[in-house]
mmCIF file of all heavy atoms, coordinates in Angstrom:
data_MODEL
# 
_entry.id   MODEL 
# 
loop_
_atom_site.group_PDB 
_atom_site.id 
_atom_site.type_symbol 
_atom_site.label_atom_id 
_atom_site.label_alt_id 
_atom_site.label_comp_id 
_atom_site.label_asym_id 
_atom_site.label_entity_id 
_atom_site.label_seq_id 
_atom_site.pdbx_PDB_ins_code 
_atom_site.Cartn_x 
_atom_site.Cartn_y 
_atom_site.Cartn_z 
_atom_site.occupancy 
_atom_site.B_iso_or_equiv 
_atom_site.pdbx_formal_charge 
_atom_site.auth_seq_id 
_atom_site.auth_comp_id 
_atom_site.auth_asym_id 
_atom_site.auth_atom_id 
_atom_site.pdbx_PDB_model_num 
ATOM 1   N N   . GLN A 1 1  ? -8.583  3.197   -15.633 1.00 0.00 ? 1  GLN A N   1 
ATOM 2   C CA  . GLN A 1 1  ? -8.929  1.885   -15.273 1.00 0.00 ? 1  GLN A CA  1 
ATOM 3   C C   . GLN A 1 1  ? -8.442  1.494   -13.804 1.00 0.00 ? 1  GLN A C   1 
ATOM 4   O O   . GLN A 1 1  ? -9.178  0.907   -13.008 1.00 0.00 ? 1  GLN A O   1 
ATOM 5   C CB  . GLN A 1 1  ? -8.287  0.838   -16.195 1.00 0.00 ? 1  GLN A CB  1 
ATOM 6   C CG  . GLN A 1 1  ? -8.577  -0.600  -15.880 1.00 0.00 ? 1  GLN A CG  1 
ATOM 7   C CD  . GLN A 1 1  ? -7.826  -1.677  -16.674 1.00 0.00 ? 1  GLN A CD  1 
ATOM 8   O OE1 . GLN A 1 1  ? -8.401  -2.590  -17.130 1.00 0.00 ? 1  GLN A OE1 1 
ATOM 9   N NE2 . GLN A 1 1  ? -6.577  -1.413  -16.901 1.00 0.00 ? 1  GLN A NE2 1 
ATOM 10  N N   . ASP A 1 2  ? -7.262  2.029   -13.394 1.00 0.00 ? 2  ASP A N   1 
ATOM 11  C CA  . ASP A 1 2  ? -6.781  1.803   -12.105 1.00 0.00 ? 2  ASP A CA  1 
ATOM 12  C C   . ASP A 1 2  ? -7.677  2.418   -11.082 1.00 0.00 ? 2  ASP A C   1 
ATOM 13  O O   . ASP A 1 2  ? -7.990  1.877   -9.980  1.00 0.00 ? 2  ASP A O   1 
ATOM 14  C CB  . ASP A 1 2  ? -5.383  2.477   -11.961 1.00 0.00 ? 2  ASP A CB  1 
ATOM 15  C CG  . ASP A 1 2  ? -4.292  1.650   -12.551 1.00 0.00 ? 2  ASP A CG  1 
ATOM 16  O OD1 . ASP A 1 2  ? -4.549  0.508   -13.062 1.00 0.00 ? 2  ASP A OD1 1 
ATOM 17  O OD2 . ASP A 1 2  ? -3.093  2.057   -12.599 1.00 0.00 ? 2  ASP A OD2 1 
ATOM 18  N N   . ILE A 1 3  ? -8.192  3.639   -11.316 1.00 0.00 ? 3  ILE A N   1 
ATOM 19  C CA  . ILE A 1 3  ? -9.100  4.333   -10.457 1.00 0.00 ? 3  ILE A CA  1 
ATOM 20  C C   . ILE A 1 3  ? -10.329 3.491   -10.243 1.00 0.00 ? 3  ILE A C   1 
ATOM 21  O O   . ILE A 1 3  ? -10.824 3.228   -9.069  1.00 0.00 ? 3  ILE A O   1 
ATOM 22  C CB  . ILE A 1 3  ? -9.493  5.680   -11.016 1.00 0.00 ? 3  ILE A CB  1 
ATOM 23  C CG1 . ILE A 1 3  ? -8.314  6.654   -11.003 1.00 0.00 ? 3  ILE A CG1 1 
ATOM 24  C CG2 . ILE A 1 3  ? -10.601 6.338   -10.118 1.00 0.00 ? 3  ILE A CG2 1 
ATOM 25  C CD1 . ILE A 1 3  ? -8.524  7.930   -11.799 1.00 0.00 ? 3  ILE A CD1 1 
ATOM 26  N N   . ALA A 1 4  ? -10.950 3.028   -11.326 1.00 0.00 ? 4  ALA A N   1 
ATOM 27  C CA  . ALA A 1 4  ? -12.214 2.264   -11.309 1.00 0.00 ? 4  ALA A CA  1 
ATOM 28  C C   . ALA A 1 4  ? -11.986 0.867   -10.644 1.00 0.00 ? 4  ALA A C   1 
ATOM 29  O O   . ALA A 1 4  ? -12.860 0.389   -9.834  1.00 0.00 ? 4  ALA A O   1 
ATOM 30  C CB  . ALA A 1 4  ? -12.784 2.086   -12.699 1.00 0.00 ? 4  ALA A CB  1 
ATOM 31  N N   . ILE A 1 5  ? -10.875 0.192   -10.913 1.00 0.00 ? 5  ILE A N   1 
ATOM 32  C CA  . ILE A 1 5  ? -10.637 -1.118  -10.294 1.00 0.00 ? 5  ILE A CA  1 
ATOM 33  C C   . ILE A 1 5  ? -10.404 -0.947  -8.820  1.00 0.00 ? 5  ILE A C   1 
ATOM 34  O O   . ILE A 1 5  ? -10.882 -1.792  -7.943  1.00 0.00 ? 5  ILE A O   1 
ATOM 35  C CB  . ILE A 1 5  ? -9.457  -1.776  -10.964 1.00 0.00 ? 5  ILE A CB  1 
ATOM 36  C CG1 . ILE A 1 5  ? -9.884  -2.242  -12.392 1.00 0.00 ? 5  ILE A CG1 1 
ATOM 37  C CG2 . ILE A 1 5  ? -9.012  -3.054  -10.184 1.00 0.00 ? 5  ILE A CG2 1 
ATOM 38  C CD1 . ILE A 1 5  ? -8.737  -2.922  -13.180 1.00 0.00 ? 5  ILE A CD1 1 
ATOM 39  N N   . ASP A 1 6  ? -9.609  0.091   -8.384  1.00 0.00 ? 6  ASP A N   1 
ATOM 40  C CA  . ASP A 1 6  ? -9.330  0.287   -6.983  1.00 0.00 ? 6  ASP A CA  1 
ATOM 41  C C   . ASP A 1 6  ? -10.708 0.478   -6.232  1.00 0.00 ? 6  ASP A C   1 
ATOM 42  O O   . ASP A 1 6  ? -10.879 -0.040  -5.173  1.00 0.00 ? 6  ASP A O   1 
ATOM 43  C CB  . ASP A 1 6  ? -8.444  1.552   -6.760  1.00 0.00 ? 6  ASP A CB  1 
ATOM 44  C CG  . ASP A 1 6  ? -6.993  1.212   -7.154  1.00 0.00 ? 6  ASP A CG  1 
ATOM 45  O OD1 . ASP A 1 6  ? -6.604  -0.005  -7.095  1.00 0.00 ? 6  ASP A OD1 1 
ATOM 46  O OD2 . ASP A 1 6  ? -6.280  2.165   -7.412  1.00 0.00 ? 6  ASP A OD2 1 
ATOM 47  N N   . ALA A 1 7  ? -11.593 1.321   -6.815  1.00 0.00 ? 7  ALA A N   1 
ATOM 48  C CA  . ALA A 1 7  ? -12.845 1.575   -6.264  1.00 0.00 ? 7  ALA A CA  1 
ATOM 49  C C   . ALA A 1 7  ? -13.724 0.270   -6.214  1.00 0.00 ? 7  ALA A C   1 
ATOM 50  O O   . ALA A 1 7  ? -14.332 0.020   -5.190  1.00 0.00 ? 7  ALA A O   1 
ATOM 51  C CB  . ALA A 1 7  ? -13.598 2.630   -6.959  1.00 0.00 ? 7  ALA A CB  1 
ATOM 52  N N   . TYR A 1 8  ? -13.733 -0.473  -7.219  1.00 0.00 ? 8  TYR A N   1 
ATOM 53  C CA  . TYR A 1 8  ? -14.444 -1.717  -7.243  1.00 0.00 ? 8  TYR A CA  1 
ATOM 54  C C   . TYR A 1 8  ? -13.921 -2.718  -6.178  1.00 0.00 ? 8  TYR A C   1 
ATOM 55  O O   . TYR A 1 8  ? -14.676 -3.323  -5.422  1.00 0.00 ? 8  TYR A O   1 
ATOM 56  C CB  . TYR A 1 8  ? -14.353 -2.431  -8.599  1.00 0.00 ? 8  TYR A CB  1 
ATOM 57  C CG  . TYR A 1 8  ? -14.842 -3.840  -8.591  1.00 0.00 ? 8  TYR A CG  1 
ATOM 58  C CD1 . TYR A 1 8  ? -16.250 -4.147  -8.707  1.00 0.00 ? 8  TYR A CD1 1 
ATOM 59  C CD2 . TYR A 1 8  ? -13.941 -4.861  -8.387  1.00 0.00 ? 8  TYR A CD2 1 
ATOM 60  C CE1 . TYR A 1 8  ? -16.668 -5.416  -8.681  1.00 0.00 ? 8  TYR A CE1 1 
ATOM 61  C CE2 . TYR A 1 8  ? -14.420 -6.177  -8.435  1.00 0.00 ? 8  TYR A CE2 1 
ATOM 62  C CZ  . TYR A 1 8  ? -15.760 -6.477  -8.549  1.00 0.00 ? 8  TYR A CZ  1 
ATOM 63  O OH  . TYR A 1 8  ? -16.211 -7.756  -8.525  1.00 0.00 ? 8  TYR A OH  1 
ATOM 64  N N   . ARG A 1 9  ? -12.627 -2.798  -6.064  1.00 0.00 ? 9  ARG A N   1 
ATOM 65  C CA  . ARG A 1 9  ? -12.006 -3.752  -5.147  1.00 0.00 ? 9  ARG A CA  1 
ATOM 66  C C   . ARG A 1 9  ? -12.393 -3.471  -3.684  1.00 0.00 ? 9  ARG A C   1 
ATOM 67  O O   . ARG A 1 9  ? -12.702 -4.332  -2.902  1.00 0.00 ? 9  ARG A O   1 
ATOM 68  C CB  . ARG A 1 9  ? -10.456 -3.694  -5.186  1.00 0.00 ? 9  ARG A CB  1 
ATOM 69  C CG  . ARG A 1 9  ? -9.726  -4.785  -4.403  1.00 0.00 ? 9  ARG A CG  1 
ATOM 70  C CD  . ARG A 1 9  ? -8.242  -4.464  -4.269  1.00 0.00 ? 9  ARG A CD  1 
ATOM 71  N NE  . ARG A 1 9  ? -7.967  -3.332  -3.501  1.00 0.00 ? 9  ARG A NE  1 
ATOM 72  C CZ  . ARG A 1 9  ? -7.498  -2.184  -4.065  1.00 0.00 ? 9  ARG A CZ  1 
ATOM 73  N NH1 . ARG A 1 9  ? -7.200  -2.003  -5.314  1.00 0.00 ? 9  ARG A NH1 1 
ATOM 74  N NH2 . ARG A 1 9  ? -7.290  -1.081  -3.286  1.00 0.00 ? 9  ARG A NH2 1 
ATOM 75  N N   . ILE A 1 10 ? -12.489 -2.207  -3.397  1.00 0.00 ? 10 ILE A N   1 
ATOM 76  C CA  . ILE A 1 10 ? -12.791 -1.687  -2.016  1.00 0.00 ? 10 ILE A CA  1 
ATOM 77  C C   . ILE A 1 10 ? -14.295 -1.986  -1.691  1.00 0.00 ? 10 ILE A C   1 
ATOM 78  O O   . ILE A 1 10 ? -14.645 -2.459  -0.594  1.00 0.00 ? 10 ILE A O   1 
ATOM 79  C CB  . ILE A 1 10 ? -12.467 -0.324  -1.766  1.00 0.00 ? 10 ILE A CB  1 
ATOM 80  C CG1 . ILE A 1 10 ? -10.914 -0.108  -1.921  1.00 0.00 ? 10 ILE A CG1 1 
ATOM 81  C CG2 . ILE A 1 10 ? -12.969 0.254   -0.459  1.00 0.00 ? 10 ILE A CG2 1 
ATOM 82  C CD1 . ILE A 1 10 ? -10.529 1.402   -2.016  1.00 0.00 ? 10 ILE A CD1 1 
ATOM 83  N N   . GLU A 1 11 ? -15.147 -1.778  -2.705  1.00 0.00 ? 11 GLU A N   1 
ATOM 84  C CA  . GLU A 1 11 ? -16.616 -1.777  -2.484  1.00 0.00 ? 11 GLU A CA  1 
ATOM 85  C C   . GLU A 1 11 ? -17.147 -3.224  -2.611  1.00 0.00 ? 11 GLU A C   1 
ATOM 86  O O   . GLU A 1 11 ? -18.216 -3.521  -2.094  1.00 0.00 ? 11 GLU A O   1 
ATOM 87  C CB  . GLU A 1 11 ? -17.235 -0.903  -3.513  1.00 0.00 ? 11 GLU A CB  1 
ATOM 88  C CG  . GLU A 1 11 ? -16.949 0.568   -3.306  1.00 0.00 ? 11 GLU A CG  1 
ATOM 89  C CD  . GLU A 1 11 ? -17.500 1.401   -4.434  1.00 0.00 ? 11 GLU A CD  1 
ATOM 90  O OE1 . GLU A 1 11 ? -18.067 0.916   -5.418  1.00 0.00 ? 11 GLU A OE1 1 
ATOM 91  O OE2 . GLU A 1 11 ? -17.278 2.682   -4.364  1.00 0.00 ? 11 GLU A OE2 1 
ATOM 92  N N   . ALA A 1 12 ? -16.385 -4.086  -3.259  1.00 0.00 ? 12 ALA A N   1 
ATOM 93  C CA  . ALA A 1 12 ? -16.892 -5.446  -3.612  1.00 0.00 ? 12 ALA A CA  1 
ATOM 94  C C   . ALA A 1 12 ? -16.971 -6.411  -2.490  1.00 0.00 ? 12 ALA A C   1 
ATOM 95  O O   . ALA A 1 12 ? -17.844 -7.292  -2.442  1.00 0.00 ? 12 ALA A O   1 
ATOM 96  C CB  . ALA A 1 12 ? -16.076 -6.048  -4.826  1.00 0.00 ? 12 ALA A CB  1 
ATOM 97  N N   . VAL A 1 13 ? -16.089 -6.248  -1.504  1.00 0.00 ? 13 VAL A N   1 
ATOM 98  C CA  . VAL A 1 13 ? -15.964 -7.224  -0.338  1.00 0.00 ? 13 VAL A CA  1 
ATOM 99  C C   . VAL A 1 13 ? -15.848 -6.460  0.920   1.00 0.00 ? 13 VAL A C   1 
ATOM 100 O O   . VAL A 1 13 ? -15.501 -5.257  0.951   1.00 0.00 ? 13 VAL A O   1 
ATOM 101 C CB  . VAL A 1 13 ? -14.874 -8.260  -0.545  1.00 0.00 ? 13 VAL A CB  1 
ATOM 102 C CG1 . VAL A 1 13 ? -15.103 -9.106  -1.789  1.00 0.00 ? 13 VAL A CG1 1 
ATOM 103 C CG2 . VAL A 1 13 ? -13.524 -7.535  -0.558  1.00 0.00 ? 13 VAL A CG2 1 
ATOM 104 N N   . SER A 1 14 ? -16.020 -7.208  2.023   1.00 0.00 ? 14 SER A N   1 
ATOM 105 C CA  . SER A 1 14 ? -15.823 -6.652  3.372   1.00 0.00 ? 14 SER A CA  1 
ATOM 106 C C   . SER A 1 14 ? -14.390 -6.329  3.631   1.00 0.00 ? 14 SER A C   1 
ATOM 107 O O   . SER A 1 14 ? -13.492 -6.774  2.934   1.00 0.00 ? 14 SER A O   1 
ATOM 108 C CB  . SER A 1 14 ? -16.385 -7.570  4.495   1.00 0.00 ? 14 SER A CB  1 
ATOM 109 O OG  . SER A 1 14 ? -15.740 -8.831  4.339   1.00 0.00 ? 14 SER A OG  1 
ATOM 110 N N   . ALA A 1 15 ? -14.101 -5.581  4.753   1.00 0.00 ? 15 ALA A N   1 
ATOM 111 C CA  . ALA A 1 15 ? -12.758 -5.122  5.057   1.00 0.00 ? 15 ALA A CA  1 
ATOM 112 C C   . ALA A 1 15 ? -11.813 -6.288  5.290   1.00 0.00 ? 15 ALA A C   1 
ATOM 113 O O   . ALA A 1 15 ? -10.642 -6.215  4.956   1.00 0.00 ? 15 ALA A O   1 
ATOM 114 C CB  . ALA A 1 15 ? -12.757 -4.195  6.220   1.00 0.00 ? 15 ALA A CB  1 
ATOM 115 N N   . ASP A 1 16 ? -12.313 -7.357  5.889   1.00 0.00 ? 16 ASP A N   1 
ATOM 116 C CA  . ASP A 1 16 ? -11.405 -8.516  6.256   1.00 0.00 ? 16 ASP A CA  1 
ATOM 117 C C   . ASP A 1 16 ? -10.933 -9.300  4.995   1.00 0.00 ? 16 ASP A C   1 
ATOM 118 O O   . ASP A 1 16 ? -9.987  -10.041 5.120   1.00 0.00 ? 16 ASP A O   1 
ATOM 119 C CB  . ASP A 1 16 ? -12.066 -9.425  7.275   1.00 0.00 ? 16 ASP A CB  1 
ATOM 120 C CG  . ASP A 1 16 ? -13.388 -9.997  6.804   1.00 0.00 ? 16 ASP A CG  1 
ATOM 121 O OD1 . ASP A 1 16 ? -13.858 -9.527  5.762   1.00 0.00 ? 16 ASP A OD1 1 
ATOM 122 O OD2 . ASP A 1 16 ? -13.946 -10.821 7.491   1.00 0.00 ? 16 ASP A OD2 1 
ATOM 123 N N   . ARG A 1 17 ? -11.643 -9.074  3.839   1.00 0.00 ? 17 ARG A N   1 
ATOM 124 C CA  . ARG A 1 17 ? -11.201 -9.800  2.685   1.00 0.00 ? 17 ARG A CA  1 
ATOM 125 C C   . ARG A 1 17 ? -10.309 -8.860  1.738   1.00 0.00 ? 17 ARG A C   1 
ATOM 126 O O   . ARG A 1 17 ? -9.945  -9.300  0.701   1.00 0.00 ? 17 ARG A O   1 
ATOM 127 C CB  . ARG A 1 17 ? -12.435 -10.184 1.809   1.00 0.00 ? 17 ARG A CB  1 
ATOM 128 C CG  . ARG A 1 17 ? -13.280 -11.329 2.492   1.00 0.00 ? 17 ARG A CG  1 
ATOM 129 C CD  . ARG A 1 17 ? -14.362 -11.859 1.498   1.00 0.00 ? 17 ARG A CD  1 
ATOM 130 N NE  . ARG A 1 17 ? -14.986 -12.987 2.028   1.00 0.00 ? 17 ARG A NE  1 
ATOM 131 C CZ  . ARG A 1 17 ? -16.124 -12.987 2.665   1.00 0.00 ? 17 ARG A CZ  1 
ATOM 132 N NH1 . ARG A 1 17 ? -16.774 -11.847 2.790   1.00 0.00 ? 17 ARG A NH1 1 
ATOM 133 N NH2 . ARG A 1 17 ? -16.719 -14.115 3.062   1.00 0.00 ? 17 ARG A NH2 1 
ATOM 134 N N   . GLN A 1 18 ? -10.120 -7.669  2.214   1.00 0.00 ? 18 GLN A N   1 
ATOM 135 C CA  . GLN A 1 18 ? -9.285  -6.731  1.378   1.00 0.00 ? 18 GLN A CA  1 
ATOM 136 C C   . GLN A 1 18 ? -7.892  -7.202  1.178   1.00 0.00 ? 18 GLN A C   1 
ATOM 137 O O   . GLN A 1 18 ? -7.281  -6.983  0.046   1.00 0.00 ? 18 GLN A O   1 
ATOM 138 C CB  . GLN A 1 18 ? -9.352  -5.304  1.981   1.00 0.00 ? 18 GLN A CB  1 
ATOM 139 C CG  . GLN A 1 18 ? -10.600 -4.596  1.879   1.00 0.00 ? 18 GLN A CG  1 
ATOM 140 C CD  . GLN A 1 18 ? -11.065 -4.308  0.465   1.00 0.00 ? 18 GLN A CD  1 
ATOM 141 O OE1 . GLN A 1 18 ? -10.245 -4.174  -0.475  1.00 0.00 ? 18 GLN A OE1 1 
ATOM 142 N NE2 . GLN A 1 18 ? -12.356 -4.369  0.252   1.00 0.00 ? 18 GLN A NE2 1 
ATOM 143 N N   . GLY A 1 19 ? -7.278  -7.857  2.168   1.00 0.00 ? 19 GLY A N   1 
ATOM 144 C CA  . GLY A 1 19 ? -5.890  -8.362  1.984   1.00 0.00 ? 19 GLY A CA  1 
ATOM 145 C C   . GLY A 1 19 ? -5.831  -9.393  0.905   1.00 0.00 ? 19 GLY A C   1 
ATOM 146 O O   . GLY A 1 19 ? -4.862  -9.439  0.077   1.00 0.00 ? 19 GLY A O   1 
ATOM 147 N N   . ALA A 1 20 ? -6.843  -10.276 0.844   1.00 0.00 ? 20 ALA A N   1 
ATOM 148 C CA  . ALA A 1 20 ? -6.857  -11.326 -0.138  1.00 0.00 ? 20 ALA A CA  1 
ATOM 149 C C   . ALA A 1 20 ? -7.089  -10.688 -1.550  1.00 0.00 ? 20 ALA A C   1 
ATOM 150 O O   . ALA A 1 20 ? -6.519  -11.112 -2.507  1.00 0.00 ? 20 ALA A O   1 
ATOM 151 C CB  . ALA A 1 20 ? -7.983  -12.378 0.149   1.00 0.00 ? 20 ALA A CB  1 
ATOM 152 N N   . MET A 1 21 ? -8.029  -9.712  -1.630  1.00 0.00 ? 21 MET A N   1 
ATOM 153 C CA  . MET A 1 21 ? -8.200  -8.997  -2.884  1.00 0.00 ? 21 MET A CA  1 
ATOM 154 C C   . MET A 1 21 ? -6.969  -8.337  -3.379  1.00 0.00 ? 21 MET A C   1 
ATOM 155 O O   . MET A 1 21 ? -6.627  -8.388  -4.536  1.00 0.00 ? 21 MET A O   1 
ATOM 156 C CB  . MET A 1 21 ? -9.345  -7.945  -2.690  1.00 0.00 ? 21 MET A CB  1 
ATOM 157 C CG  . MET A 1 21 ? -10.644 -8.481  -2.383  1.00 0.00 ? 21 MET A CG  1 
ATOM 158 S SD  . MET A 1 21 ? -11.542 -9.138  -3.911  1.00 0.00 ? 21 MET A SD  1 
ATOM 159 C CE  . MET A 1 21 ? -12.266 -7.610  -4.498  1.00 0.00 ? 21 MET A CE  1 
ATOM 160 N N   . ALA A 1 22 ? -6.176  -7.707  -2.449  1.00 0.00 ? 22 ALA A N   1 
ATOM 161 C CA  . ALA A 1 22 ? -4.871  -7.166  -2.825  1.00 0.00 ? 22 ALA A CA  1 
ATOM 162 C C   . ALA A 1 22 ? -3.950  -8.171  -3.301  1.00 0.00 ? 22 ALA A C   1 
ATOM 163 O O   . ALA A 1 22 ? -3.180  -7.907  -4.304  1.00 0.00 ? 22 ALA A O   1 
ATOM 164 C CB  . ALA A 1 22 ? -4.363  -6.314  -1.646  1.00 0.00 ? 22 ALA A CB  1 
ATOM 165 N N   . ALA A 1 23 ? -3.904  -9.385  -2.671  1.00 0.00 ? 23 ALA A N   1 
ATOM 166 C CA  . ALA A 1 23 ? -2.958  -10.373 -3.017  1.00 0.00 ? 23 ALA A CA  1 
ATOM 167 C C   . ALA A 1 23 ? -3.201  -10.889 -4.432  1.00 0.00 ? 23 ALA A C   1 
ATOM 168 O O   . ALA A 1 23 ? -2.287  -11.018 -5.257  1.00 0.00 ? 23 ALA A O   1 
ATOM 169 C CB  . ALA A 1 23 ? -3.046  -11.522 -2.024  1.00 0.00 ? 23 ALA A CB  1 
ATOM 170 N N   . THR A 1 24 ? -4.453  -11.206 -4.762  1.00 0.00 ? 24 THR A N   1 
ATOM 171 C CA  . THR A 1 24 ? -4.776  -11.700 -6.125  1.00 0.00 ? 24 THR A CA  1 
ATOM 172 C C   . THR A 1 24 ? -4.583  -10.665 -7.121  1.00 0.00 ? 24 THR A C   1 
ATOM 173 O O   . THR A 1 24 ? -4.158  -10.878 -8.271  1.00 0.00 ? 24 THR A O   1 
ATOM 174 C CB  . THR A 1 24 ? -6.239  -12.275 -6.182  1.00 0.00 ? 24 THR A CB  1 
ATOM 175 O OG1 . THR A 1 24 ? -7.104  -11.262 -5.734  1.00 0.00 ? 24 THR A OG1 1 
ATOM 176 C CG2 . THR A 1 24 ? -6.300  -13.539 -5.343  1.00 0.00 ? 24 THR A CG2 1 
ATOM 177 N N   . TYR A 1 25 ? -4.836  -9.351  -6.793  1.00 0.00 ? 25 TYR A N   1 
ATOM 178 C CA  . TYR A 1 25 ? -4.617  -8.248  -7.711  1.00 0.00 ? 25 TYR A CA  1 
ATOM 179 C C   . TYR A 1 25 ? -3.154  -8.168  -7.980  1.00 0.00 ? 25 TYR A C   1 
ATOM 180 O O   . TYR A 1 25 ? -2.742  -8.006  -9.155  1.00 0.00 ? 25 TYR A O   1 
ATOM 181 C CB  . TYR A 1 25 ? -5.107  -6.959  -7.044  1.00 0.00 ? 25 TYR A CB  1 
ATOM 182 C CG  . TYR A 1 25 ? -4.812  -5.642  -7.812  1.00 0.00 ? 25 TYR A CG  1 
ATOM 183 C CD1 . TYR A 1 25 ? -5.615  -5.213  -8.773  1.00 0.00 ? 25 TYR A CD1 1 
ATOM 184 C CD2 . TYR A 1 25 ? -3.624  -4.974  -7.506  1.00 0.00 ? 25 TYR A CD2 1 
ATOM 185 C CE1 . TYR A 1 25 ? -5.339  -4.049  -9.503  1.00 0.00 ? 25 TYR A CE1 1 
ATOM 186 C CE2 . TYR A 1 25 ? -3.348  -3.795  -8.250  1.00 0.00 ? 25 TYR A CE2 1 
ATOM 187 C CZ  . TYR A 1 25 ? -4.200  -3.344  -9.241  1.00 0.00 ? 25 TYR A CZ  1 
ATOM 188 O OH  . TYR A 1 25 ? -3.879  -2.228  -9.944  1.00 0.00 ? 25 TYR A OH  1 
ATOM 189 N N   . ILE A 1 26 ? -2.308  -8.243  -7.013  1.00 0.00 ? 26 ILE A N   1 
ATOM 190 C CA  . ILE A 1 26 ? -0.859  -8.149  -7.186  1.00 0.00 ? 26 ILE A CA  1 
ATOM 191 C C   . ILE A 1 26 ? -0.363  -9.290  -8.065  1.00 0.00 ? 26 ILE A C   1 
ATOM 192 O O   . ILE A 1 26 ? 0.524   -9.138  -8.917  1.00 0.00 ? 26 ILE A O   1 
ATOM 193 C CB  . ILE A 1 26 ? -0.116  -8.176  -5.773  1.00 0.00 ? 26 ILE A CB  1 
ATOM 194 C CG1 . ILE A 1 26 ? -0.410  -6.926  -4.990  1.00 0.00 ? 26 ILE A CG1 1 
ATOM 195 C CG2 . ILE A 1 26 ? 1.400   -8.352  -5.964  1.00 0.00 ? 26 ILE A CG2 1 
ATOM 196 C CD1 . ILE A 1 26 ? 0.115   -6.952  -3.589  1.00 0.00 ? 26 ILE A CD1 1 
# 
């Protein structure tokens, strides 16, 4: 599940939104 969620998180939004994706994930 971690592998798939990590891949989804990266592919779902642009690079500038990755920090926010990481924050809500944490």
